[in-house]
PDB file of N, CA and C in Angstrom:
ATOM      1  N   MET A   1     -11.179  22.414   5.854  1.00  0.00           N
ATOM      2  CA  MET A   1     -11.743  23.646   6.354  1.00  0.00           C
ATOM      3  C   MET A   1     -12.611  23.342   7.574  1.00  0.00           C
ATOM      4  N   GLU A   2     -12.510  24.186   8.545  1.00  0.00           N
ATOM      5  CA  GLU A   2     -13.333  24.050   9.742  1.00  0.00           C
ATOM      6  C   GLU A   2     -14.804  24.251   9.380  1.00  0.00           C
ATOM      7  N   MET A   3     -15.666  23.477   9.989  1.00  0.00           N
ATOM      8  CA  MET A   3     -17.085  23.490   9.612  1.00  0.00           C
ATOM      9  C   MET A   3     -17.762  24.833   9.848  1.00  0.00           C
ATOM     10  N   ASN A   4     -17.495  25.458  10.989  1.00  0.00           N
ATOM     11  CA  ASN A   4     -18.133  26.749  11.244  1.00  0.00           C
ATOM     12  C   ASN A   4     -17.629  27.809  10.269  1.00  0.00           C
ATOM     13  N   ALA A   5     -16.349  27.727   9.895  1.00  0.00           N
ATOM     14  CA  ALA A   5     -15.810  28.655   8.901  1.00  0.00           C
ATOM     15  C   ALA A   5     -16.486  28.424   7.552  1.00  0.00           C
ATOM     16  N   PHE A   6     -16.689  27.156   7.197  1.00  0.00           N
ATOM     17  CA  PHE A   6     -17.417  26.835   5.960  1.00  0.00           C
ATOM     18  C   PHE A   6     -18.808  27.450   5.991  1.00  0.00           C
ATOM     19  N   GLN A   7     -19.474  27.309   7.129  1.00  0.00           N
ATOM     20  CA  GLN A   7     -20.833  27.837   7.255  1.00  0.00           C
ATOM     21  C   GLN A   7     -20.834  29.356   7.090  1.00  0.00           C
ATOM     22  N   GLU A   8     -19.893  30.032   7.726  1.00  0.00           N
ATOM     23  CA  GLU A   8     -19.831  31.492   7.635  1.00  0.00           C
ATOM     24  C   GLU A   8     -19.505  31.944   6.216  1.00  0.00           C
ATOM     25  N   LYS A   9     -18.533  31.303   5.584  1.00  0.00           N
ATOM     26  CA  LYS A   9     -18.163  31.680   4.212  1.00  0.00           C
ATOM     27  C   LYS A   9     -19.298  31.363   3.244  1.00  0.00           C
ATOM     28  N   SER A  10     -19.981  30.251   3.457  1.00  0.00           N
ATOM     29  CA  SER A  10     -21.105  29.878   2.597  1.00  0.00           C
ATOM     30  C   SER A  10     -22.219  30.906   2.685  1.00  0.00           C
ATOM     31  N   ALA A  11     -22.454  31.417   3.871  1.00  0.00           N
ATOM     32  CA  ALA A  11     -23.559  32.358   4.087  1.00  0.00           C
ATOM     33  C   ALA A  11     -23.369  33.645   3.284  1.00  0.00           C
ATOM     34  N   ARG A  12     -22.142  33.960   2.927  1.00  0.00           N
ATOM     35  CA  ARG A  12     -21.899  35.170   2.131  1.00  0.00           C
ATOM     36  C   ARG A  12     -22.583  35.092   0.773  1.00  0.00           C
ATOM     37  N   SER A  13     -22.780  33.890   0.271  1.00  0.00           N
ATOM     38  CA  SER A  13     -23.401  33.735  -1.044  1.00  0.00           C
ATOM     39  C   SER A  13     -24.872  33.342  -0.943  1.00  0.00           C
ATOM     40  N   ALA A  14     -25.439  33.451   0.231  1.00  0.00           N
ATOM     41  CA  ALA A  14     -26.848  33.085   0.432  1.00  0.00           C
ATOM     42  C   ALA A  14     -27.738  34.214  -0.064  1.00  0.00           C
ATOM     43  N   VAL A  15     -28.197  34.068  -1.288  1.00  0.00           N
ATOM     44  CA  VAL A  15     -29.078  35.063  -1.885  1.00  0.00           C
ATOM     45  C   VAL A  15     -30.411  34.373  -2.156  1.00  0.00           C
ATOM     46  N   TYR A  16     -31.292  34.445  -1.190  1.00  0.00           N
ATOM     47  CA  TYR A  16     -32.614  33.850  -1.328  1.00  0.00           C
ATOM     48  C   TYR A  16     -33.587  34.590  -0.433  1.00  0.00           C
ATOM     49  N   PRO A  17     -34.877  34.426  -0.688  1.00  0.00           N
ATOM     50  CA  PRO A  17     -35.871  35.162   0.104  1.00  0.00           C
ATOM     51  C   PRO A  17     -35.802  34.785   1.575  1.00  0.00           C
ATOM     52  N   LYS A  18     -35.809  35.779   2.412  1.00  0.00           N
ATOM     53  CA  LYS A  18     -35.768  35.546   3.855  1.00  0.00           C
ATOM     54  C   LYS A  18     -37.186  35.589   4.427  1.00  0.00           C
ATOM     55  N   VAL A  19     -38.059  34.833   3.798  1.00  0.00           N
ATOM     56  CA  VAL A  19     -39.444  34.742   4.264  1.00  0.00           C
ATOM     57  C   VAL A  19     -39.685  33.324   4.756  1.00  0.00           C
ATOM     58  N   LEU A  20     -40.841  33.087   5.279  1.00  0.00           N
ATOM     59  CA  LEU A  20     -41.205  31.754   5.769  1.00  0.00           C
ATOM     60  C   LEU A  20     -40.172  31.251   6.768  1.00  0.00           C
ATOM     61  N   GLU A  21     -40.207  31.788   7.950  1.00  0.00           N
ATOM     62  CA  GLU A  21     -39.300  31.393   9.023  1.00  0.00           C
ATOM     63  C   GLU A  21     -37.845  31.705   8.702  1.00  0.00           C
ATOM     64  N   GLY A  22     -37.595  32.875   8.170  1.00  0.00           N
ATOM     65  CA  GLY A  22     -36.225  33.327   7.987  1.00  0.00           C
ATOM     66  C   GLY A  22     -35.438  32.609   6.906  1.00  0.00           C
ATOM     67  N   GLY A  23     -36.086  31.973   5.982  1.00  0.00           N
ATOM     68  CA  GLY A  23     -35.388  31.328   4.886  1.00  0.00           C
ATOM     69  C   GLY A  23     -35.164  29.838   5.063  1.00  0.00           C
ATOM     70  N   ILE A  24     -35.542  29.280   6.204  1.00  0.00           N
ATOM     71  CA  ILE A  24     -35.296  27.849   6.420  1.00  0.00           C
ATOM     72  C   ILE A  24     -36.093  27.000   5.422  1.00  0.00           C
ATOM     73  N   PHE A  25     -37.279  27.443   5.069  1.00  0.00           N
ATOM     74  CA  PHE A  25     -38.079  26.707   4.100  1.00  0.00           C
ATOM     75  C   PHE A  25     -37.352  26.660   2.758  1.00  0.00           C
ATOM     76  N   TYR A  26     -36.863  27.801   2.302  1.00  0.00           N
ATOM     77  CA  TYR A  26     -36.145  27.872   1.030  1.00  0.00           C
ATOM     78  C   TYR A  26     -34.900  26.988   1.066  1.00  0.00           C
ATOM     79  N   ALA A  27     -34.149  27.065   2.160  1.00  0.00           N
ATOM     80  CA  ALA A  27     -32.924  26.267   2.278  1.00  0.00           C
ATOM     81  C   ALA A  27     -33.241  24.770   2.274  1.00  0.00           C
ATOM     82  N   CYS A  28     -34.297  24.363   2.937  1.00  0.00           N
ATOM     83  CA  CYS A  28     -34.681  22.940   2.943  1.00  0.00           C
ATOM     84  C   CYS A  28     -35.121  22.479   1.551  1.00  0.00           C
ATOM     85  N   MET A  29     -35.846  23.315   0.849  1.00  0.00           N
ATOM     86  CA  MET A  29     -36.269  22.955  -0.508  1.00  0.00           C
ATOM     87  C   MET A  29     -35.055  22.829  -1.425  1.00  0.00           C
ATOM     88  N   GLY A  30     -34.099  23.740  -1.278  1.00  0.00           N
ATOM     89  CA  GLY A  30     -32.875  23.662  -2.074  1.00  0.00           C
ATOM     90  C   GLY A  30     -32.094  22.405  -1.771  1.00  0.00           C
ATOM     91  N   LEU A  31     -32.024  22.043  -0.499  1.00  0.00           N
ATOM     92  CA  LEU A  31     -31.328  20.820  -0.088  1.00  0.00           C
ATOM     93  C   LEU A  31     -31.967  19.605  -0.751  1.00  0.00           C
ATOM     94  N   SER A  32     -33.279  19.562  -0.738  1.00  0.00           N
ATOM     95  CA  SER A  32     -33.991  18.451  -1.357  1.00  0.00           C
ATOM     96  C   SER A  32     -33.671  18.352  -2.842  1.00  0.00           C
ATOM     97  N   GLY A  33     -33.650  19.485  -3.521  1.00  0.00           N
ATOM     98  CA  GLY A  33     -33.336  19.496  -4.943  1.00  0.00           C
ATOM     99  C   GLY A  33     -31.931  19.008  -5.233  1.00  0.00           C
ATOM    100  N   GLU A  34     -30.984  19.417  -4.422  1.00  0.00           N
ATOM    101  CA  GLU A  34     -29.586  18.999  -4.632  1.00  0.00           C
ATOM    102  C   GLU A  34     -29.408  17.507  -4.367  1.00  0.00           C
ATOM    103  N   VAL A  35     -30.107  16.977  -3.370  1.00  0.00           N
ATOM    104  CA  VAL A  35     -30.046  15.538  -3.124  1.00  0.00           C
ATOM    105  C   VAL A  35     -30.613  14.794  -4.329  1.00  0.00           C
ATOM    106  N   GLY A  36     -31.666  15.347  -4.918  1.00  0.00           N
ATOM    107  CA  GLY A  36     -32.225  14.752  -6.133  1.00  0.00           C
ATOM    108  C   GLY A  36     -31.216  14.738  -7.273  1.00  0.00           C
ATOM    109  N   GLU A  37     -30.440  15.806  -7.419  1.00  0.00           N
ATOM    110  CA  GLU A  37     -29.420  15.853  -8.470  1.00  0.00           C
ATOM    111  C   GLU A  37     -28.336  14.798  -8.231  1.00  0.00           C
ATOM    112  N   LEU A  38     -27.949  14.616  -6.977  1.00  0.00           N
ATOM    113  CA  LEU A  38     -26.972  13.570  -6.650  1.00  0.00           C
ATOM    114  C   LEU A  38     -27.540  12.196  -6.983  1.00  0.00           C
ATOM    115  N   LEU A  39     -28.786  11.970  -6.616  1.00  0.00           N
ATOM    116  CA  LEU A  39     -29.423  10.684  -6.895  1.00  0.00           C
ATOM    117  C   LEU A  39     -29.507  10.405  -8.391  1.00  0.00           C
ATOM    118  N   ASN A  40     -29.711  11.430  -9.185  1.00  0.00           N
ATOM    119  CA  ASN A  40     -29.726  11.236 -10.636  1.00  0.00           C
ATOM    120  C   ASN A  40     -28.384  10.748 -11.148  1.00  0.00           C
ATOM    121  N   LYS A  41     -27.298  11.262 -10.605  1.00  0.00           N
ATOM    122  CA  LYS A  41     -25.966  10.790 -11.012  1.00  0.00           C
ATOM    123  C   LYS A  41     -25.775   9.326 -10.620  1.00  0.00           C
ATOM    124  N   VAL A  42     -26.212   8.964  -9.442  1.00  0.00           N
ATOM    125  CA  VAL A  42     -26.075   7.586  -8.971  1.00  0.00           C
ATOM    126  C   VAL A  42     -27.009   6.660  -9.738  1.00  0.00           C
ATOM    127  N   LYS A  43     -28.199   7.146 -10.063  1.00  0.00           N
ATOM    128  CA  LYS A  43     -29.163   6.363 -10.842  1.00  0.00           C
ATOM    129  C   LYS A  43     -28.563   5.926 -12.168  1.00  0.00           C
ATOM    130  N   LYS A  44     -27.814   6.811 -12.805  1.00  0.00           N
ATOM    131  CA  LYS A  44     -27.212   6.490 -14.103  1.00  0.00           C
ATOM    132  C   LYS A  44     -26.176   5.378 -13.976  1.00  0.00           C
ATOM    133  N   ILE A  45     -25.550   5.277 -12.832  1.00  0.00           N
ATOM    134  CA  ILE A  45     -24.611   4.179 -12.591  1.00  0.00           C
ATOM    135  C   ILE A  45     -25.392   2.868 -12.570  1.00  0.00           C
ATOM    136  N   ALA A  46     -26.505   2.860 -11.835  1.00  0.00           N
ATOM    137  CA  ALA A  46     -27.315   1.643 -11.734  1.00  0.00           C
ATOM    138  C   ALA A  46     -28.014   1.317 -13.047  1.00  0.00           C
ATOM    139  N   ARG A  47     -28.575   2.325 -13.690  1.00  0.00           N
ATOM    140  CA  ARG A  47     -29.360   2.108 -14.897  1.00  0.00           C
ATOM    141  C   ARG A  47     -28.500   1.777 -16.105  1.00  0.00           C
ATOM    142  N   ASP A  48     -27.435   2.557 -16.297  1.00  0.00           N
ATOM    143  CA  ASP A  48     -26.645   2.456 -17.525  1.00  0.00           C
ATOM    144  C   ASP A  48     -25.299   1.770 -17.338  1.00  0.00           C
ATOM    145  N   GLY A  49     -24.963   1.451 -16.102  1.00  0.00           N
ATOM    146  CA  GLY A  49     -23.633   0.917 -15.851  1.00  0.00           C
ATOM    147  C   GLY A  49     -22.549   1.968 -16.068  1.00  0.00           C
ATOM    148  N   ALA A  50     -22.934   3.228 -15.929  1.00  0.00           N
ATOM    149  CA  ALA A  50     -22.003   4.334 -16.149  1.00  0.00           C
ATOM    150  C   ALA A  50     -20.895   4.315 -15.106  1.00  0.00           C
ATOM    151  N   GLN A  51     -19.790   4.903 -15.488  1.00  0.00           N
ATOM    152  CA  GLN A  51     -18.686   5.073 -14.545  1.00  0.00           C
ATOM    153  C   GLN A  51     -19.107   6.097 -13.487  1.00  0.00           C
ATOM    154  N   ILE A  52     -18.542   5.975 -12.311  1.00  0.00           N
ATOM    155  CA  ILE A  52     -18.820   6.948 -11.256  1.00  0.00           C
ATOM    156  C   ILE A  52     -18.243   8.293 -11.689  1.00  0.00           C
ATOM    157  N   ASP A  53     -19.090   9.290 -11.728  1.00  0.00           N
ATOM    158  CA  ASP A  53     -18.690  10.654 -12.080  1.00  0.00           C
ATOM    159  C   ASP A  53     -18.202  11.351 -10.813  1.00  0.00           C
ATOM    160  N   ARG A  54     -16.962  11.087 -10.455  1.00  0.00           N
ATOM    161  CA  ARG A  54     -16.437  11.607  -9.195  1.00  0.00           C
ATOM    162  C   ARG A  54     -16.497  13.129  -9.113  1.00  0.00           C
ATOM    163  N   GLU A  55     -16.158  13.798 -10.193  1.00  0.00           N
ATOM    164  CA  GLU A  55     -16.191  15.270 -10.185  1.00  0.00           C
ATOM    165  C   GLU A  55     -17.614  15.772 -10.029  1.00  0.00           C
ATOM    166  N   GLY A  56     -18.544  15.170 -10.770  1.00  0.00           N
ATOM    167  CA  GLY A  56     -19.943  15.571 -10.659  1.00  0.00           C
ATOM    168  C   GLY A  56     -20.508  15.304  -9.274  1.00  0.00           C
ATOM    169  N   ILE A  57     -20.167  14.151  -8.724  1.00  0.00           N
ATOM    170  CA  ILE A  57     -20.628  13.820  -7.367  1.00  0.00           C
ATOM    171  C   ILE A  57     -20.026  14.784  -6.355  1.00  0.00           C
ATOM    172  N   LYS A  58     -18.751  15.101  -6.530  1.00  0.00           N
ATOM    173  CA  LYS A  58     -18.095  16.062  -5.620  1.00  0.00           C
ATOM    174  C   LYS A  58     -18.814  17.408  -5.663  1.00  0.00           C
ATOM    175  N   MET A  59     -19.173  17.855  -6.855  1.00  0.00           N
ATOM    176  CA  MET A  59     -19.864  19.139  -6.986  1.00  0.00           C
ATOM    177  C   MET A  59     -21.248  19.096  -6.339  1.00  0.00           C
ATOM    178  N   GLU A  60     -21.971  18.012  -6.544  1.00  0.00           N
ATOM    179  CA  GLU A  60     -23.297  17.888  -5.926  1.00  0.00           C
ATOM    180  C   GLU A  60     -23.181  17.816  -4.405  1.00  0.00           C
ATOM    181  N   LEU A  61     -22.194  17.084  -3.900  1.00  0.00           N
ATOM    182  CA  LEU A  61     -21.993  17.027  -2.450  1.00  0.00           C
ATOM    183  C   LEU A  61     -21.662  18.403  -1.886  1.00  0.00           C
ATOM    184  N   GLY A  62     -20.900  19.186  -2.639  1.00  0.00           N
ATOM    185  CA  GLY A  62     -20.616  20.563  -2.208  1.00  0.00           C
ATOM    186  C   GLY A  62     -21.890  21.387  -2.120  1.00  0.00           C
ATOM    187  N   ASP A  63     -22.760  21.237  -3.117  1.00  0.00           N
ATOM    188  CA  ASP A  63     -24.038  21.956  -3.072  1.00  0.00           C
ATOM    189  C   ASP A  63     -24.880  21.499  -1.884  1.00  0.00           C
ATOM    190  N   ILE A  64     -24.872  20.195  -1.627  1.00  0.00           N
ATOM    191  CA  ILE A  64     -25.612  19.662  -0.477  1.00  0.00           C
ATOM    192  C   ILE A  64     -25.049  20.229   0.820  1.00  0.00           C
ATOM    193  N   MET A  65     -23.724  20.257   0.920  1.00  0.00           N
ATOM    194  CA  MET A  65     -23.098  20.825   2.125  1.00  0.00           C
ATOM    195  C   MET A  65     -23.500  22.286   2.317  1.00  0.00           C
ATOM    196  N   TRP A  66     -23.556  23.034   1.209  1.00  0.00           N
ATOM    197  CA  TRP A  66     -23.928  24.446   1.289  1.00  0.00           C
ATOM    198  C   TRP A  66     -25.336  24.573   1.868  1.00  0.00           C
ATOM    199  N   TYR A  67     -26.261  23.785   1.339  1.00  0.00           N
ATOM    200  CA  TYR A  67     -27.635  23.880   1.828  1.00  0.00           C
ATOM    201  C   TYR A  67     -27.767  23.378   3.267  1.00  0.00           C
ATOM    202  N   VAL A  68     -27.038  22.336   3.634  1.00  0.00           N
ATOM    203  CA  VAL A  68     -27.056  21.881   5.033  1.00  0.00           C
ATOM    204  C   VAL A  68     -26.572  23.014   5.938  1.00  0.00           C
ATOM    205  N   ALA A  69     -25.505  23.679   5.523  1.00  0.00           N
ATOM    206  CA  ALA A  69     -24.981  24.799   6.304  1.00  0.00           C
ATOM    207  C   ALA A  69     -26.011  25.911   6.439  1.00  0.00           C
ATOM    208  N   MET A  70     -26.766  26.175   5.362  1.00  0.00           N
ATOM    209  CA  MET A  70     -27.768  27.240   5.408  1.00  0.00           C
ATOM    210  C   MET A  70     -28.987  26.852   6.238  1.00  0.00           C
ATOM    211  N   VAL A  71     -29.400  25.582   6.170  1.00  0.00           N
ATOM    212  CA  VAL A  71     -30.507  25.138   7.027  1.00  0.00           C
ATOM    213  C   VAL A  71     -30.110  25.322   8.490  1.00  0.00           C
ATOM    214  N   ALA A  72     -28.903  24.894   8.830  1.00  0.00           N
ATOM    215  CA  ALA A  72     -28.429  25.046  10.206  1.00  0.00           C
ATOM    216  C   ALA A  72     -28.364  26.521  10.593  1.00  0.00           C
ATOM    217  N   LYS A  73     -27.824  27.347   9.713  1.00  0.00           N
ATOM    218  CA  LYS A  73     -27.727  28.784   9.997  1.00  0.00           C
ATOM    219  C   LYS A  73     -29.102  29.386  10.224  1.00  0.00           C
ATOM    220  N   GLU A  74     -30.045  29.067   9.354  1.00  0.00           N
ATOM    221  CA  GLU A  74     -31.389  29.624   9.482  1.00  0.00           C
ATOM    222  C   GLU A  74     -32.063  29.161  10.765  1.00  0.00           C
ATOM    223  N   ALA A  75     -31.656  27.990  11.275  1.00  0.00           N
ATOM    224  CA  ALA A  75     -32.205  27.481  12.538  1.00  0.00           C
ATOM    225  C   ALA A  75     -31.402  27.964  13.748  1.00  0.00           C
ATOM    226  N   GLY A  76     -30.335  28.731  13.484  1.00  0.00           N
ATOM    227  CA  GLY A  76     -29.516  29.242  14.579  1.00  0.00           C
ATOM    228  C   GLY A  76     -28.608  28.186  15.186  1.00  0.00           C
ATOM    229  N   ILE A  77     -28.165  27.236  14.371  1.00  0.00           N
ATOM    230  CA  ILE A  77     -27.330  26.135  14.843  1.00  0.00           C
ATOM    231  C   ILE A  77     -25.990  26.196  14.125  1.00  0.00           C
ATOM    232  N   LYS A  78     -24.914  26.074  14.876  1.00  0.00           N
ATOM    233  CA  LYS A  78     -23.580  26.027  14.273  1.00  0.00           C
ATOM    234  C   LYS A  78     -23.364  24.642  13.668  1.00  0.00           C
ATOM    235  N   LEU A  79     -22.729  24.630  12.512  1.00  0.00           N
ATOM    236  CA  LEU A  79     -22.512  23.383  11.792  1.00  0.00           C
ATOM    237  C   LEU A  79     -21.664  22.404  12.599  1.00  0.00           C
ATOM    238  N   GLU A  80     -20.691  22.895  13.334  1.00  0.00           N
ATOM    239  CA  GLU A  80     -19.884  22.002  14.171  1.00  0.00           C
ATOM    240  C   GLU A  80     -20.725  21.343  15.255  1.00  0.00           C
ATOM    241  N   ASP A  81     -21.739  22.048  15.761  1.00  0.00           N
ATOM    242  CA  ASP A  81     -22.629  21.447  16.763  1.00  0.00           C
ATOM    243  C   ASP A  81     -23.433  20.304  16.151  1.00  0.00           C
ATOM    244  N   VAL A  82     -23.821  20.456  14.885  1.00  0.00           N
ATOM    245  CA  VAL A  82     -24.529  19.381  14.174  1.00  0.00           C
ATOM    246  C   VAL A  82     -23.619  18.157  14.077  1.00  0.00           C
ATOM    247  N   ALA A  83     -22.382  18.379  13.633  1.00  0.00           N
ATOM    248  CA  ALA A  83     -21.438  17.273  13.465  1.00  0.00           C
ATOM    249  C   ALA A  83     -21.119  16.608  14.800  1.00  0.00           C
ATOM    250  N   ASP A  84     -20.872  17.410  15.829  1.00  0.00           N
ATOM    251  CA  ASP A  84     -20.561  16.856  17.150  1.00  0.00           C
ATOM    252  C   ASP A  84     -21.717  16.017  17.684  1.00  0.00           C
ATOM    253  N   ALA A  85     -22.940  16.519  17.547  1.00  0.00           N
ATOM    254  CA  ALA A  85     -24.114  15.792  18.042  1.00  0.00           C
ATOM    255  C   ALA A  85     -24.285  14.484  17.285  1.00  0.00           C
ATOM    256  N   ASN A  86     -24.007  14.497  15.980  1.00  0.00           N
ATOM    257  CA  ASN A  86     -24.151  13.283  15.187  1.00  0.00           C
ATOM    258  C   ASN A  86     -23.135  12.229  15.615  1.00  0.00           C
ATOM    259  N   ILE A  87     -21.891  12.630  15.799  1.00  0.00           N
ATOM    260  CA  ILE A  87     -20.859  11.678  16.240  1.00  0.00           C
ATOM    261  C   ILE A  87     -21.195  11.135  17.625  1.00  0.00           C
ATOM    262  N   GLU A  88     -21.647  12.001  18.522  1.00  0.00           N
ATOM    263  CA  GLU A  88     -22.032  11.560  19.864  1.00  0.00           C
ATOM    264  C   GLU A  88     -23.151  10.522  19.796  1.00  0.00           C
ATOM    265  N   LYS A  89     -24.143  10.782  18.947  1.00  0.00           N
ATOM    266  CA  LYS A  89     -25.264   9.849  18.783  1.00  0.00           C
ATOM    267  C   LYS A  89     -24.774   8.505  18.245  1.00  0.00           C
ATOM    268  N   LEU A  90     -23.921   8.545  17.223  1.00  0.00           N
ATOM    269  CA  LEU A  90     -23.429   7.304  16.624  1.00  0.00           C
ATOM    270  C   LEU A  90     -22.552   6.515  17.588  1.00  0.00           C
ATOM    271  N   GLU A  91     -21.702   7.206  18.339  1.00  0.00           N
ATOM    272  CA  GLU A  91     -20.864   6.517  19.318  1.00  0.00           C
ATOM    273  C   GLU A  91     -21.704   5.859  20.401  1.00  0.00           C
ATOM    274  N   LYS A  92     -22.776   6.538  20.824  1.00  0.00           N
ATOM    275  CA  LYS A  92     -23.683   5.958  21.826  1.00  0.00           C
ATOM    276  C   LYS A  92     -24.342   4.702  21.265  1.00  0.00           C
ATOM    277  N   ARG A  93     -24.784   4.766  20.008  1.00  0.00           N
ATOM    278  CA  ARG A  93     -25.418   3.600  19.393  1.00  0.00           C
ATOM    279  C   ARG A  93     -24.432   2.445  19.252  1.00  0.00           C
ATOM    280  N   MET A  94     -23.199   2.750  18.904  1.00  0.00           N
ATOM    281  CA  MET A  94     -22.188   1.696  18.800  1.00  0.00           C
ATOM    282  C   MET A  94     -21.952   1.062  20.178  1.00  0.00           C
ATOM    283  N   LYS A  95     -21.834   1.885  21.196  1.00  0.00           N
ATOM    284  CA  LYS A  95     -21.605   1.394  22.562  1.00  0.00           C
ATOM    285  C   LYS A  95     -22.769   0.530  23.031  1.00  0.00           C
ATOM    286  N   ASN A  96     -24.002   0.944  22.710  1.00  0.00           N
ATOM    287  CA  ASN A  96     -25.200   0.226  23.149  1.00  0.00           C
ATOM    288  C   ASN A  96     -25.633  -0.865  22.182  1.00  0.00           C
ATOM    289  N   ASN A  97     -24.837  -1.073  21.128  1.00  0.00           N
ATOM    290  CA  ASN A  97     -25.142  -2.067  20.104  1.00  0.00           C
ATOM    291  C   ASN A  97     -26.531  -1.837  19.492  1.00  0.00           C
ATOM    292  N   THR A  98     -26.850  -0.549  19.249  1.00  0.00           N
ATOM    293  CA  THR A  98     -28.136  -0.209  18.636  1.00  0.00           C
ATOM    294  C   THR A  98     -27.925   0.544  17.315  1.00  0.00           C
ATOM    295  N   ILE A  99     -26.785   0.324  16.677  1.00  0.00           N
ATOM    296  CA  ILE A  99     -26.507   1.013  15.414  1.00  0.00           C
ATOM    297  C   ILE A  99     -27.485   0.557  14.336  1.00  0.00           C
ATOM    298  N   HIS A 100     -27.945  -0.685  14.412  1.00  0.00           N
ATOM    299  CA  HIS A 100     -28.960  -1.182  13.480  1.00  0.00           C
ATOM    300  C   HIS A 100     -30.323  -0.921  14.075  1.00  0.00           C
ATOM    301  N   GLY A 101     -31.321  -0.927  13.245  1.00  0.00           N
ATOM    302  CA  GLY A 101     -32.674  -0.698  13.719  1.00  0.00           C
ATOM    303  C   GLY A 101     -33.182   0.648  13.242  1.00  0.00           C
ATOM    304  N   ASN A 102     -34.233   1.139  13.857  1.00  0.00           N
ATOM    305  CA  ASN A 102     -34.758   2.424  13.458  1.00  0.00           C
ATOM    306  C   ASN A 102     -35.220   3.203  14.660  1.00  0.00           C
ATOM    307  N   GLY A 103     -35.494   4.466  14.447  1.00  0.00           N
ATOM    308  CA  GLY A 103     -35.902   5.345  15.519  1.00  0.00           C
ATOM    309  C   GLY A 103     -34.770   6.273  15.907  1.00  0.00           C
ATOM    310  N   ASP A 104     -35.120   7.511  16.169  1.00  0.00           N
ATOM    311  CA  ASP A 104     -34.110   8.507  16.517  1.00  0.00           C
ATOM    312  C   ASP A 104     -33.493   8.273  17.890  1.00  0.00           C
ATOM    313  N   TYR A 105     -34.272   7.788  18.835  1.00  0.00           N
ATOM    314  CA  TYR A 105     -33.810   7.694  20.210  1.00  0.00           C
ATOM    315  C   TYR A 105     -33.671   6.241  20.627  1.00  0.00           C
ATOM    316  N   ARG A 106     -32.638   5.574  20.104  1.00  0.00           N
ATOM    317  CA  ARG A 106     -32.403   4.172  20.460  1.00  0.00           C
ATOM    318  C   ARG A 106     -31.063   4.021  21.125  1.00  0.00           C
TER     319      ARG A 106
END
C-alpha cells in the first residue's frame, strides 16, 4: 500500500481528542505506548527464550505505523515525505561514511 494512502485510510479511524496542538500530543503518547507493547514482546524472547511471536509483532508494528501516520498528519506532514527524507538522510550518511556515530546532522 502506498504510504500516503495508508495515512489517509488510517486517519478515518482517528478517534481521539483534538486538543493540545491538534492531537499531536495524544498521537505521540499513543506511539510511545505501542512501542512499549512491542518491547514487551521482544523482552519475553530475551527473558524466557520464547519463540518470536511474528503475528503479535506484526500487529504491534501495525499499531506503531498507525500512530506514526497520525503524528505526521497532526504535524501536517505526508508520510511519504517522512520516508523520502529518511532514505535521503541515510544515503547521504552512507556516501559520507557517517552511518555510524551520533547526531542528527552528520
